[in-house]
Amino acid sequence: MDEKVLTVGEKVHVITRRLFAEDLRRHFVGKIVAVTNHLIRVEGYAFVFHAGLNEYRKRPDMRTRIFSLTDAENIVNVIPEGVEIESLQYEFVNQRLVVTDQAGFSLDINEFGPTA
């Protein structure tokens, strides 16, 4: 059976879970350019957490990454079609870390803690 949960053209925000506390905190936002039942190829931007500044920093160059959809290490969030990935940035809103385009889209990326 060839059923895919994601399609070419969809936009995603991918969090790579850390295995150890000292591992880099890496996120990726981009557009799917190829998909199989188990993998997605995404063109977009990497964000890496800068501990000294306590913030995520966007890498300026566009990259192409391949993510597994069956690996528990990857948390994949679908981003609405109209969001421009180039405009996404991280900020704190009500003490919660969110990814926002400053034009109506906001994605709370905290895995733990209060939801309100």
PDB file of N, CA and C in Angstrom:
ATOM      1  N   MET A   1       0.845  -1.183   0.000  1.00  0.00           N
ATOM      2  CA  MET A   1       0.000   0.000   0.000  1.00  0.00           C
ATOM      3  C   MET A   1       0.885   1.239   0.000  1.00  0.00           C
ATOM      4  N   ASP A   2       0.563   2.210  -0.826  1.00  0.00           N
ATOM      5  CA  ASP A   2       1.384   3.402  -0.996  1.00  0.00           C
ATOM      6  C   ASP A   2       0.650   4.642  -0.493  1.00  0.00           C
ATOM      7  N   GLU A   3       0.459   4.712   0.826  1.00  0.00           N
ATOM      8  CA  GLU A   3      -0.210   5.875   1.416  1.00  0.00           C
ATOM      9  C   GLU A   3       0.817   6.756   2.098  1.00  0.00           C
ATOM     10  N   LYS A   4       0.837   8.026   1.722  1.00  0.00           N
ATOM     11  CA  LYS A   4       1.767   8.975   2.313  1.00  0.00           C
ATOM     12  C   LYS A   4       0.985   9.954   3.194  1.00  0.00           C
ATOM     13  N   VAL A   5       1.564  10.312   4.322  1.00  0.00           N
ATOM     14  CA  VAL A   5       0.905  11.259   5.220  1.00  0.00           C
ATOM     15  C   VAL A   5       1.286  12.691   4.894  1.00  0.00           C
ATOM     16  N   LEU A   6       2.364  12.876   4.135  1.00  0.00           N
ATOM     17  CA  LEU A   6       2.807  14.200   3.716  1.00  0.00           C
ATOM     18  C   LEU A   6       2.950  14.202   2.198  1.00  0.00           C
ATOM     19  N   THR A   7       2.877  15.392   1.605  1.00  0.00           N
ATOM     20  CA  THR A   7       2.986  15.484   0.153  1.00  0.00           C
ATOM     21  C   THR A   7       4.002  16.551  -0.245  1.00  0.00           C
ATOM     22  N   VAL A   8       4.495  16.441  -1.459  1.00  0.00           N
ATOM     23  CA  VAL A   8       5.411  17.432  -2.013  1.00  0.00           C
ATOM     24  C   VAL A   8       4.705  18.788  -1.991  1.00  0.00           C
ATOM     25  N   GLY A   9       5.439  19.803  -1.555  1.00  0.00           N
ATOM     26  CA  GLY A   9       4.890  21.157  -1.484  1.00  0.00           C
ATOM     27  C   GLY A   9       4.457  21.563  -0.091  1.00  0.00           C
ATOM     28  N   GLU A  10       4.202  20.596   0.788  1.00  0.00           N
ATOM     29  CA  GLU A  10       3.831  20.946   2.166  1.00  0.00           C
ATOM     30  C   GLU A  10       5.052  21.507   2.888  1.00  0.00           C
ATOM     31  N   LYS A  11       4.771  22.352   3.872  1.00  0.00           N
ATOM     32  CA  LYS A  11       5.831  22.958   4.668  1.00  0.00           C
ATOM     33  C   LYS A  11       5.823  22.306   6.051  1.00  0.00           C
ATOM     34  N   VAL A  12       7.041  22.101   6.579  1.00  0.00           N
ATOM     35  CA  VAL A  12       7.162  21.417   7.863  1.00  0.00           C
ATOM     36  C   VAL A  12       8.179  22.112   8.761  1.00  0.00           C
ATOM     37  N   HIS A  13       7.987  21.897  10.045  1.00  0.00           N
ATOM     38  CA  HIS A  13       8.932  22.310  11.092  1.00  0.00           C
ATOM     39  C   HIS A  13       9.344  21.013  11.772  1.00  0.00           C
ATOM     40  N   VAL A  14      10.641  20.715  11.761  1.00  0.00           N
ATOM     41  CA  VAL A  14      11.132  19.450  12.302  1.00  0.00           C
ATOM     42  C   VAL A  14      12.032  19.730  13.502  1.00  0.00           C
ATOM     43  N   ILE A  15      11.705  19.112  14.616  1.00  0.00           N
ATOM     44  CA  ILE A  15      12.538  19.175  15.807  1.00  0.00           C
ATOM     45  C   ILE A  15      13.290  17.855  15.901  1.00  0.00           C
ATOM     46  N   THR A  16      14.615  17.939  16.012  1.00  0.00           N
ATOM     47  CA  THR A  16      15.410  16.736  16.228  1.00  0.00           C
ATOM     48  C   THR A  16      15.630  16.609  17.727  1.00  0.00           C
ATOM     49  N   ARG A  17      15.080  15.544  18.306  1.00  0.00           N
ATOM     50  CA  ARG A  17      15.213  15.343  19.751  1.00  0.00           C
ATOM     51  C   ARG A  17      16.663  15.096  20.123  1.00  0.00           C
ATOM     52  N   ARG A  18      17.041  15.628  21.256  1.00  0.00           N
ATOM     53  CA  ARG A  18      18.388  15.398  21.782  1.00  0.00           C
ATOM     54  C   ARG A  18      18.412  14.079  22.530  1.00  0.00           C
ATOM     55  N   LEU A  19      19.497  13.352  22.390  1.00  0.00           N
ATOM     56  CA  LEU A  19      19.660  12.112  23.137  1.00  0.00           C
ATOM     57  C   LEU A  19      20.320  12.368  24.487  1.00  0.00           C
ATOM     58  N   PHE A  20      21.146  13.415  24.541  1.00  0.00           N
ATOM     59  CA  PHE A  20      21.857  13.771  25.759  1.00  0.00           C
ATOM     60  C   PHE A  20      21.719  15.271  25.989  1.00  0.00           C
ATOM     61  N   ALA A  21      21.791  15.693  27.235  1.00  0.00           N
ATOM     62  CA  ALA A  21      21.601  17.104  27.583  1.00  0.00           C
ATOM     63  C   ALA A  21      22.562  18.025  26.834  1.00  0.00           C
ATOM     64  N   GLU A  22      23.779  17.558  26.565  1.00  0.00           N
ATOM     65  CA  GLU A  22      24.771  18.405  25.901  1.00  0.00           C
ATOM     66  C   GLU A  22      24.662  18.385  24.373  1.00  0.00           C
ATOM     67  N   ASP A  23      23.770  17.593  23.806  1.00  0.00           N
ATOM     68  CA  ASP A  23      23.567  17.571  22.358  1.00  0.00           C
ATOM     69  C   ASP A  23      23.028  18.914  21.872  1.00  0.00           C
ATOM     70  N   LEU A  24      23.386  19.273  20.640  1.00  0.00           N
ATOM     71  CA  LEU A  24      22.852  20.498  20.041  1.00  0.00           C
ATOM     72  C   LEU A  24      21.330  20.425  19.941  1.00  0.00           C
ATOM     73  N   ARG A  25      20.687  21.556  20.118  1.00  0.00           N
ATOM     74  CA  ARG A  25      19.243  21.663  19.883  1.00  0.00           C
ATOM     75  C   ARG A  25      19.079  22.155  18.457  1.00  0.00           C
ATOM     76  N   ARG A  26      18.567  21.263  17.589  1.00  0.00           N
ATOM     77  CA  ARG A  26      18.456  21.590  16.174  1.00  0.00           C
ATOM     78  C   ARG A  26      17.005  21.507  15.720  1.00  0.00           C
ATOM     79  N   HIS A  27      16.611  22.503  14.952  1.00  0.00           N
ATOM     80  CA  HIS A  27      15.291  22.537  14.338  1.00  0.00           C
ATOM     81  C   HIS A  27      15.492  22.841  12.862  1.00  0.00           C
ATOM     82  N   PHE A  28      14.488  22.512  12.059  1.00  0.00           N
ATOM     83  CA  PHE A  28      14.570  22.764  10.621  1.00  0.00           C
ATOM     84  C   PHE A  28      13.188  23.126  10.118  1.00  0.00           C
ATOM     85  N   VAL A  29      13.100  24.160   9.280  1.00  0.00           N
ATOM     86  CA  VAL A  29      11.843  24.537   8.633  1.00  0.00           C
ATOM     87  C   VAL A  29      12.058  24.561   7.136  1.00  0.00           C
ATOM     88  N   GLY A  30      11.083  24.018   6.418  1.00  0.00           N
ATOM     89  CA  GLY A  30      11.249  24.010   4.983  1.00  0.00           C
ATOM     90  C   GLY A  30      10.060  23.426   4.251  1.00  0.00           C
ATOM     91  N   LYS A  31      10.261  23.288   2.941  1.00  0.00           N
ATOM     92  CA  LYS A  31       9.228  22.784   2.045  1.00  0.00           C
ATOM     93  C   LYS A  31       9.643  21.396   1.560  1.00  0.00           C
ATOM     94  N   ILE A  32       8.700  20.470   1.560  1.00  0.00           N
ATOM     95  CA  ILE A  32       8.972  19.104   1.103  1.00  0.00           C
ATOM     96  C   ILE A  32       9.124  19.110  -0.414  1.00  0.00           C
ATOM     97  N   VAL A  33      10.239  18.551  -0.889  1.00  0.00           N
ATOM     98  CA  VAL A  33      10.482  18.479  -2.332  1.00  0.00           C
ATOM     99  C   VAL A  33      10.399  17.043  -2.846  1.00  0.00           C
ATOM    100  N   ALA A  34      10.442  16.066  -1.947  1.00  0.00           N
ATOM    101  CA  ALA A  34      10.274  14.664  -2.317  1.00  0.00           C
ATOM    102  C   ALA A  34       9.804  13.902  -1.082  1.00  0.00           C
ATOM    103  N   VAL A  35       9.021  12.841  -1.321  1.00  0.00           N
ATOM    104  CA  VAL A  35       8.470  12.089  -0.197  1.00  0.00           C
ATOM    105  C   VAL A  35       8.309  10.625  -0.581  1.00  0.00           C
ATOM    106  N   THR A  36       8.587   9.752   0.389  1.00  0.00           N
ATOM    107  CA  THR A  36       8.263   8.333   0.264  1.00  0.00           C
ATOM    108  C   THR A  36       7.391   7.995   1.469  1.00  0.00           C
ATOM    109  N   ASN A  37       7.095   6.740   1.657  1.00  0.00           N
ATOM    110  CA  ASN A  37       6.306   6.351   2.831  1.00  0.00           C
ATOM    111  C   ASN A  37       7.067   6.606   4.132  1.00  0.00           C
ATOM    112  N   HIS A  38       8.400   6.638   4.070  1.00  0.00           N
ATOM    113  CA  HIS A  38       9.195   6.702   5.293  1.00  0.00           C
ATOM    114  C   HIS A  38      10.153   7.885   5.382  1.00  0.00           C
ATOM    115  N   LEU A  39      10.356   8.602   4.279  1.00  0.00           N
ATOM    116  CA  LEU A  39      11.325   9.695   4.256  1.00  0.00           C
ATOM    117  C   LEU A  39      10.742  10.941   3.599  1.00  0.00           C
ATOM    118  N   ILE A  40      11.242  12.101   4.054  1.00  0.00           N
ATOM    119  CA  ILE A  40      10.926  13.347   3.360  1.00  0.00           C
ATOM    120  C   ILE A  40      12.233  14.086   3.080  1.00  0.00           C
ATOM    121  N   ARG A  41      12.309  14.669   1.901  1.00  0.00           N
ATOM    122  CA  ARG A  41      13.435  15.526   1.532  1.00  0.00           C
ATOM    123  C   ARG A  41      12.908  16.951   1.607  1.00  0.00           C
ATOM    124  N   VAL A  42      13.576  17.791   2.408  1.00  0.00           N
ATOM    125  CA  VAL A  42      13.076  19.130   2.709  1.00  0.00           C
ATOM    126  C   VAL A  42      14.143  20.172   2.395  1.00  0.00           C
ATOM    127  N   GLU A  43      13.743  21.234   1.677  1.00  0.00           N
ATOM    128  CA  GLU A  43      14.628  22.372   1.437  1.00  0.00           C
ATOM    129  C   GLU A  43      14.185  23.509   2.342  1.00  0.00           C
ATOM    130  N   GLY A  44      15.139  24.050   3.095  1.00  0.00           N
ATOM    131  CA  GLY A  44      14.776  25.124   4.004  1.00  0.00           C
ATOM    132  C   GLY A  44      15.945  25.587   4.846  1.00  0.00           C
ATOM    133  N   TYR A  45      15.638  25.939   6.096  1.00  0.00           N
ATOM    134  CA  TYR A  45      16.610  26.585   6.959  1.00  0.00           C
ATOM    135  C   TYR A  45      16.759  25.845   8.287  1.00  0.00           C
ATOM    136  N   ALA A  46      18.019  25.739   8.719  1.00  0.00           N
ATOM    137  CA  ALA A  46      18.325  25.129  10.013  1.00  0.00           C
ATOM    138  C   ALA A  46      18.339  26.221  11.080  1.00  0.00           C
ATOM    139  N   PHE A  47      17.855  25.878  12.242  1.00  0.00           N
ATOM    140  CA  PHE A  47      17.935  26.732  13.426  1.00  0.00           C
ATOM    141  C   PHE A  47      18.677  25.942  14.495  1.00  0.00           C
ATOM    142  N   VAL A  48      19.663  26.583  15.120  1.00  0.00           N
ATOM    143  CA  VAL A  48      20.452  25.924  16.157  1.00  0.00           C
ATOM    144  C   VAL A  48      20.399  26.794  17.403  1.00  0.00           C
ATOM    145  N   PHE A  49      20.237  26.151  18.556  1.00  0.00           N
ATOM    146  CA  PHE A  49      20.141  26.879  19.816  1.00  0.00           C
ATOM    147  C   PHE A  49      21.514  27.376  20.233  1.00  0.00           C
ATOM    148  N   HIS A  50      21.613  28.673  20.521  1.00  0.00           N
ATOM    149  CA  HIS A  50      22.841  29.298  21.003  1.00  0.00           C
ATOM    150  C   HIS A  50      22.674  29.478  22.509  1.00  0.00           C
ATOM    151  N   ALA A  51      23.317  28.601  23.288  1.00  0.00           N
ATOM    152  CA  ALA A  51      23.134  28.599  24.749  1.00  0.00           C
ATOM    153  C   ALA A  51      23.572  29.910  25.390  1.00  0.00           C
ATOM    154  N   GLY A  52      24.649  30.512  24.890  1.00  0.00           N
ATOM    155  CA  GLY A  52      25.145  31.759  25.474  1.00  0.00           C
ATOM    156  C   GLY A  52      24.158  32.908  25.359  1.00  0.00           C
ATOM    157  N   LEU A  53      23.369  32.891  24.304  1.00  0.00           N
ATOM    158  CA  LEU A  53      22.368  33.944  24.096  1.00  0.00           C
ATOM    159  C   LEU A  53      20.958  33.481  24.462  1.00  0.00           C
ATOM    160  N   ASN A  54      20.815  32.192  24.771  1.00  0.00           N
ATOM    161  CA  ASN A  54      19.528  31.587  25.121  1.00  0.00           C
ATOM    162  C   ASN A  54      18.486  31.832  24.023  1.00  0.00           C
ATOM    163  N   GLU A  55      18.908  31.560  22.769  1.00  0.00           N
ATOM    164  CA  GLU A  55      18.001  31.754  21.648  1.00  0.00           C
ATOM    165  C   GLU A  55      18.373  30.843  20.482  1.00  0.00           C
ATOM    166  N   TYR A  56      17.396  30.621  19.606  1.00  0.00           N
ATOM    167  CA  TYR A  56      17.638  29.868  18.380  1.00  0.00           C
ATOM    168  C   TYR A  56      18.124  30.830  17.307  1.00  0.00           C
ATOM    169  N   ARG A  57      19.169  30.431  16.589  1.00  0.00           N
ATOM    170  CA  ARG A  57      19.736  31.236  15.524  1.00  0.00           C
ATOM    171  C   ARG A  57      19.514  30.539  14.192  1.00  0.00           C
ATOM    172  N   LYS A  58      18.996  31.289  13.239  1.00  0.00           N
ATOM    173  CA  LYS A  58      18.755  30.756  11.904  1.00  0.00           C
ATOM    174  C   LYS A  58      20.055  30.772  11.112  1.00  0.00           C
ATOM    175  N   ARG A  59      20.393  29.648  10.505  1.00  0.00           N
ATOM    176  CA  ARG A  59      21.534  29.590   9.604  1.00  0.00           C
ATOM    177  C   ARG A  59      21.133  30.314   8.316  1.00  0.00           C
ATOM    178  N   PRO A  60      21.975  31.185   7.787  1.00  0.00           N
ATOM    179  CA  PRO A  60      21.569  32.019   6.656  1.00  0.00           C
ATOM    180  C   PRO A  60      21.416  31.288   5.325  1.00  0.00           C
ATOM    181  N   ASP A  61      22.093  30.168   5.173  1.00  0.00           N
ATOM    182  CA  ASP A  61      22.056  29.472   3.890  1.00  0.00           C
ATOM    183  C   ASP A  61      20.963  28.414   3.849  1.00  0.00           C
ATOM    184  N   MET A  62      20.304  28.321   2.693  1.00  0.00           N
ATOM    185  CA  MET A  62      19.280  27.302   2.502  1.00  0.00           C
ATOM    186  C   MET A  62      19.973  25.944   2.393  1.00  0.00           C
ATOM    187  N   ARG A  63      19.345  24.938   2.996  1.00  0.00           N
ATOM    188  CA  ARG A  63      19.907  23.592   3.002  1.00  0.00           C
ATOM    189  C   ARG A  63      18.863  22.592   2.549  1.00  0.00           C
ATOM    190  N   THR A  64      19.328  21.406   2.200  1.00  0.00           N
ATOM    191  CA  THR A  64      18.441  20.297   1.884  1.00  0.00           C
ATOM    192  C   THR A  64      18.741  19.185   2.876  1.00  0.00           C
ATOM    193  N   ARG A  65      17.705  18.741   3.572  1.00  0.00           N
ATOM    194  CA  ARG A  65      17.868  17.677   4.571  1.00  0.00           C
ATOM    195  C   ARG A  65      16.866  16.578   4.293  1.00  0.00           C
ATOM    196  N   ILE A  66      17.222  15.376   4.702  1.00  0.00           N
ATOM    197  CA  ILE A  66      16.335  14.218   4.598  1.00  0.00           C
ATOM    198  C   ILE A  66      16.003  13.766   6.012  1.00  0.00           C
ATOM    199  N   PHE A  67      14.707  13.588   6.274  1.00  0.00           N
ATOM    200  CA  PHE A  67      14.245  13.171   7.594  1.00  0.00           C
ATOM    201  C   PHE A  67      13.455  11.877   7.486  1.00  0.00           C
ATOM    202  N   SER A  68      13.636  11.049   8.486  1.00  0.00           N
ATOM    203  CA  SER A  68      12.862   9.817   8.571  1.00  0.00           C
ATOM    204  C   SER A  68      11.535  10.115   9.250  1.00  0.00           C
ATOM    205  N   LEU A  69      10.474   9.558   8.720  1.00  0.00           N
ATOM    206  CA  LEU A  69       9.157   9.689   9.340  1.00  0.00           C
ATOM    207  C   LEU A  69       8.897   8.561  10.332  1.00  0.00           C
ATOM    208  N   THR A  70       9.811   7.601  10.403  1.00  0.00           N
ATOM    209  CA  THR A  70       9.630   6.468  11.310  1.00  0.00           C
ATOM    210  C   THR A  70      10.574   6.520  12.503  1.00  0.00           C
ATOM    211  N   ASP A  71      11.416   7.538  12.565  1.00  0.00           N
ATOM    212  CA  ASP A  71      12.388   7.690  13.641  1.00  0.00           C
ATOM    213  C   ASP A  71      11.796   8.571  14.736  1.00  0.00           C
ATOM    214  N   ALA A  72      11.737   8.061  15.944  1.00  0.00           N
ATOM    215  CA  ALA A  72      11.174   8.828  17.068  1.00  0.00           C
ATOM    216  C   ALA A  72      12.023  10.040  17.412  1.00  0.00           C
ATOM    217  N   GLU A  73      13.201  10.157  16.812  1.00  0.00           N
ATOM    218  CA  GLU A  73      14.062  11.301  17.052  1.00  0.00           C
ATOM    219  C   GLU A  73      13.514  12.575  16.404  1.00  0.00           C
ATOM    220  N   ASN A  74      12.672  12.436  15.389  1.00  0.00           N
ATOM    221  CA  ASN A  74      12.145  13.586  14.657  1.00  0.00           C
ATOM    222  C   ASN A  74      10.693  13.861  15.015  1.00  0.00           C
ATOM    223  N   ILE A  75      10.428  15.100  15.392  1.00  0.00           N
ATOM    224  CA  ILE A  75       9.062  15.559  15.628  1.00  0.00           C
ATOM    225  C   ILE A  75       8.723  16.470  14.458  1.00  0.00           C
ATOM    226  N   VAL A  76       7.747  16.074  13.654  1.00  0.00           N
ATOM    227  CA  VAL A  76       7.415  16.810  12.441  1.00  0.00           C
ATOM    228  C   VAL A  76       6.081  17.521  12.626  1.00  0.00           C
ATOM    229  N   ASN A  77       6.110  18.844  12.498  1.00  0.00           N
ATOM    230  CA  ASN A  77       4.906  19.673  12.559  1.00  0.00           C
ATOM    231  C   ASN A  77       4.624  20.210  11.173  1.00  0.00           C
ATOM    232  N   VAL A  78       3.376  20.148  10.736  1.00  0.00           N
ATOM    233  CA  VAL A  78       2.996  20.693   9.435  1.00  0.00           C
ATOM    234  C   VAL A  78       2.683  22.176   9.598  1.00  0.00           C
ATOM    235  N   ILE A  79       3.226  22.974   8.697  1.00  0.00           N
ATOM    236  CA  ILE A  79       3.039  24.423   8.709  1.00  0.00           C
ATOM    237  C   ILE A  79       2.009  24.776   7.634  1.00  0.00           C
ATOM    238  N   PRO A  80       1.087  25.692   7.918  1.00  0.00           N
ATOM    239  CA  PRO A  80       0.087  26.069   6.913  1.00  0.00           C
ATOM    240  C   PRO A  80       0.711  26.548   5.598  1.00  0.00           C
ATOM    241  N   GLU A  81       0.007  26.300   4.533  1.00  0.00           N
ATOM    242  CA  GLU A  81       0.463  26.591   3.172  1.00  0.00           C
ATOM    243  C   GLU A  81       0.893  28.039   2.971  1.00  0.00           C
ATOM    244  N   GLY A  82       0.171  28.986   3.526  1.00  0.00           N
ATOM    245  CA  GLY A  82       0.436  30.399   3.281  1.00  0.00           C
ATOM    246  C   GLY A  82       1.603  30.987   4.046  1.00  0.00           C
ATOM    247  N   VAL A  83       2.207  30.244   4.939  1.00  0.00           N
ATOM    248  CA  VAL A  83       3.316  30.762   5.747  1.00  0.00           C
ATOM    249  C   VAL A  83       4.597  30.784   4.911  1.00  0.00           C
ATOM    250  N   GLU A  84       5.288  31.914   4.935  1.00  0.00           N
ATOM    251  CA  GLU A  84       6.568  32.030   4.238  1.00  0.00           C
ATOM    252  C   GLU A  84       7.672  31.582   5.185  1.00  0.00           C
ATOM    253  N   ILE A  85       8.340  30.488   4.842  1.00  0.00           N
ATOM    254  CA  ILE A  85       9.345  29.928   5.758  1.00  0.00           C
ATOM    255  C   ILE A  85      10.518  30.883   5.974  1.00  0.00           C
ATOM    256  N   GLU A  86      10.795  31.743   4.996  1.00  0.00           N
ATOM    257  CA  GLU A  86      11.893  32.690   5.133  1.00  0.00           C
ATOM    258  C   GLU A  86      11.654  33.680   6.268  1.00  0.00           C
ATOM    259  N   SER A  87      10.394  33.914   6.611  1.00  0.00           N
ATOM    260  CA  SER A  87      10.069  34.909   7.632  1.00  0.00           C
ATOM    261  C   SER A  87       9.955  34.321   9.038  1.00  0.00           C
ATOM    262  N   LEU A  88      10.076  33.020   9.181  1.00  0.00           N
ATOM    263  CA  LEU A  88       9.904  32.404  10.496  1.00  0.00           C
ATOM    264  C   LEU A  88      11.049  32.761  11.437  1.00  0.00           C
ATOM    265  N   GLN A  89      10.679  32.991  12.689  1.00  0.00           N
ATOM    266  CA  GLN A  89      11.653  33.298  13.730  1.00  0.00           C
ATOM    267  C   GLN A  89      11.132  32.786  15.060  1.00  0.00           C
ATOM    268  N   TYR A  90      12.030  32.687  16.017  1.00  0.00           N
ATOM    269  CA  TYR A  90      11.672  32.221  17.358  1.00  0.00           C
ATOM    270  C   TYR A  90      11.542  33.407  18.288  1.00  0.00           C
ATOM    271  N   GLU A  91      10.555  33.326  19.167  1.00  0.00           N
ATOM    272  CA  GLU A  91      10.422  34.345  20.209  1.00  0.00           C
ATOM    273  C   GLU A  91       9.637  33.758  21.375  1.00  0.00           C
ATOM    274  N   PHE A  92       9.743  34.423  22.508  1.00  0.00           N
ATOM    275  CA  PHE A  92       8.990  34.009  23.687  1.00  0.00           C
ATOM    276  C   PHE A  92       7.697  34.794  23.743  1.00  0.00           C
ATOM    277  N   VAL A  93       6.585  34.083  23.912  1.00  0.00           N
ATOM    278  CA  VAL A  93       5.266  34.688  24.068  1.00  0.00           C
ATOM    279  C   VAL A  93       4.643  34.066  25.303  1.00  0.00           C
ATOM    280  N   ASN A  94       4.321  34.899  26.283  1.00  0.00           N
ATOM    281  CA  ASN A  94       3.755  34.412  27.550  1.00  0.00           C
ATOM    282  C   ASN A  94       4.609  33.300  28.145  1.00  0.00           C
ATOM    283  N   GLN A  95       5.912  33.505  28.148  1.00  0.00           N
ATOM    284  CA  GLN A  95       6.895  32.575  28.700  1.00  0.00           C
ATOM    285  C   GLN A  95       6.930  31.229  27.980  1.00  0.00           C
ATOM    286  N   ARG A  96       6.463  31.207  26.748  1.00  0.00           N
ATOM    287  CA  ARG A  96       6.482  29.992  25.929  1.00  0.00           C
ATOM    288  C   ARG A  96       7.264  30.290  24.663  1.00  0.00           C
ATOM    289  N   LEU A  97       8.101  29.346  24.231  1.00  0.00           N
ATOM    290  CA  LEU A  97       8.857  29.514  23.001  1.00  0.00           C
ATOM    291  C   LEU A  97       7.978  29.148  21.820  1.00  0.00           C
ATOM    292  N   VAL A  98       7.870  30.066  20.851  1.00  0.00           N
ATOM    293  CA  VAL A  98       7.046  29.832  19.666  1.00  0.00           C
ATOM    294  C   VAL A  98       7.850  30.161  18.413  1.00  0.00           C
ATOM    295  N   VAL A  99       7.442  29.544  17.322  1.00  0.00           N
ATOM    296  CA  VAL A  99       7.938  29.897  15.995  1.00  0.00           C
ATOM    297  C   VAL A  99       6.823  30.718  15.370  1.00  0.00           C
ATOM    298  N   THR A 100       7.159  31.894  14.842  1.00  0.00           N
ATOM    299  CA  THR A 100       6.143  32.780  14.298  1.00  0.00           C
ATOM    300  C   THR A 100       6.638  33.456  13.027  1.00  0.00           C
ATOM    301  N   ASP A 101       5.688  33.837  12.193  1.00  0.00           N
ATOM    302  CA  ASP A 101       6.021  34.605  10.988  1.00  0.00           C
ATOM    303  C   ASP A 101       5.659  36.078  11.164  1.00  0.00           C
ATOM    304  N   GLN A 102       5.193  36.446  12.351  1.00  0.00           N
ATOM    305  CA  GLN A 102       4.777  37.819  12.653  1.00  0.00           C
ATOM    306  C   GLN A 102       3.602  38.275  11.794  1.00  0.00           C
ATOM    307  N   ALA A 103       2.896  37.316  11.164  1.00  0.00           N
ATOM    308  CA  ALA A 103       1.766  37.675  10.303  1.00  0.00           C
ATOM    309  C   ALA A 103       0.553  36.790  10.589  1.00  0.00           C
ATOM    310  N   GLY A 104       0.489  36.245  11.807  1.00  0.00           N
ATOM    311  CA  GLY A 104      -0.662  35.432  12.185  1.00  0.00           C
ATOM    312  C   GLY A 104      -0.360  33.989  12.509  1.00  0.00           C
ATOM    313  N   PHE A 105       0.757  33.458  12.005  1.00  0.00           N
ATOM    314  CA  PHE A 105       1.104  32.070  12.308  1.00  0.00           C
ATOM    315  C   PHE A 105       1.987  32.009  13.540  1.00  0.00           C
ATOM    316  N   SER A 106       1.658  31.079  14.439  1.00  0.00           N
ATOM    317  CA  SER A 106       2.450  30.868  15.645  1.00  0.00           C
ATOM    318  C   SER A 106       2.360  29.398  16.032  1.00  0.00           C
ATOM    319  N   LEU A 107       3.504  28.778  16.258  1.00  0.00           N
ATOM    320  CA  LEU A 107       3.574  27.374  16.645  1.00  0.00           C
ATOM    321  C   LEU A 107       4.321  27.252  17.964  1.00  0.00           C
ATOM    322  N   ASP A 108       3.637  26.834  19.006  1.00  0.00           N
ATOM    323  CA  ASP A 108       4.241  26.606  20.318  1.00  0.00           C
ATOM    324  C   ASP A 108       5.062  25.330  20.210  1.00  0.00           C
ATOM    325  N   ILE A 109       6.366  25.425  20.484  1.00  0.00           N
ATOM    326  CA  ILE A 109       7.195  24.233  20.328  1.00  0.00           C
ATOM    327  C   ILE A 109       7.650  23.642  21.659  1.00  0.00           C
ATOM    328  N   ASN A 110       7.116  24.123  22.774  1.00  0.00           N
ATOM    329  CA  ASN A 110       7.450  23.543  24.068  1.00  0.00           C
ATOM    330  C   ASN A 110       6.824  22.160  24.181  1.00  0.00           C
ATOM    331  N   GLU A 111       7.631  21.192  24.568  1.00  0.00           N
ATOM    332  CA  GLU A 111       7.120  19.843  24.725  1.00  0.00           C
ATOM    333  C   GLU A 111       6.579  19.616  26.127  1.00  0.00           C
ATOM    334  N   PHE A 112       7.065  20.396  27.084  1.00  0.00           N
ATOM    335  CA  PHE A 112       6.648  20.203  28.458  1.00  0.00           C
ATOM    336  C   PHE A 112       6.246  21.540  29.066  1.00  0.00           C
ATOM    337  N   GLY A 113       5.611  21.493  30.198  1.00  0.00           N
ATOM    338  CA  GLY A 113       5.252  22.716  30.885  1.00  0.00           C
ATOM    339  C   GLY A 113       3.784  23.053  30.694  1.00  0.00           C
ATOM    340  N   PRO A 114       3.331  24.127  31.335  1.00  0.00           N
ATOM    341  CA  PRO A 114       1.918  24.518  31.244  1.00  0.00           C
ATOM    342  C   PRO A 114       1.544  24.925  29.835  1.00  0.00           C
ATOM    343  N   THR A 115       0.295  24.719  29.480  1.00  0.00           N
ATOM    344  CA  THR A 115      -0.168  25.077  28.138  1.00  0.00           C
ATOM    345  C   THR A 115      -0.896  26.394  28.114  1.00  0.00           C
ATOM    346  N   ALA A 116      -1.082  27.002  29.225  1.00  0.00           N
ATOM    347  CA  ALA A 116      -1.790  28.283  29.244  1.00  0.00           C
ATOM    348  C   ALA A 116      -0.913  29.398  29.726  1.00  0.00           C
TER     349      ALA A 116
END
